[in-house]
Amino acid sequence: MDTTWDCIVVGAGAAGLSAALVLGRARRRTLVIDAGKQSNRHTAGIGGLLASDRRPPLDFYETGRVELANYPPWSCDPARR
């Protein structure tokens, strides 16, 4: 990968995906590095997050990645998973 990144976000949990989304909307080249092991991935649902109460965490993360696809260039480094 010969891309120069403006920003690198470590972790693709709720905060990391939110940061990457804001950076993408600002047209920053953003790399997200994530091991895919969010601490809440085994819970039945998210609590306390507006518009996502009781939503399965893995569904939430997948939706975040889909939304990020609207703001290229960004990448979630699969080599770190």
Foldseek 3Di string as FASTA:
>chain_A
DPDDFPEEFEALAPVSLVVLLVCLVVLGAYEYEHQPCPPQQPPQFDPDDPPGGRNRRVVVSVVSVVSSVVRDDYYYDPVND
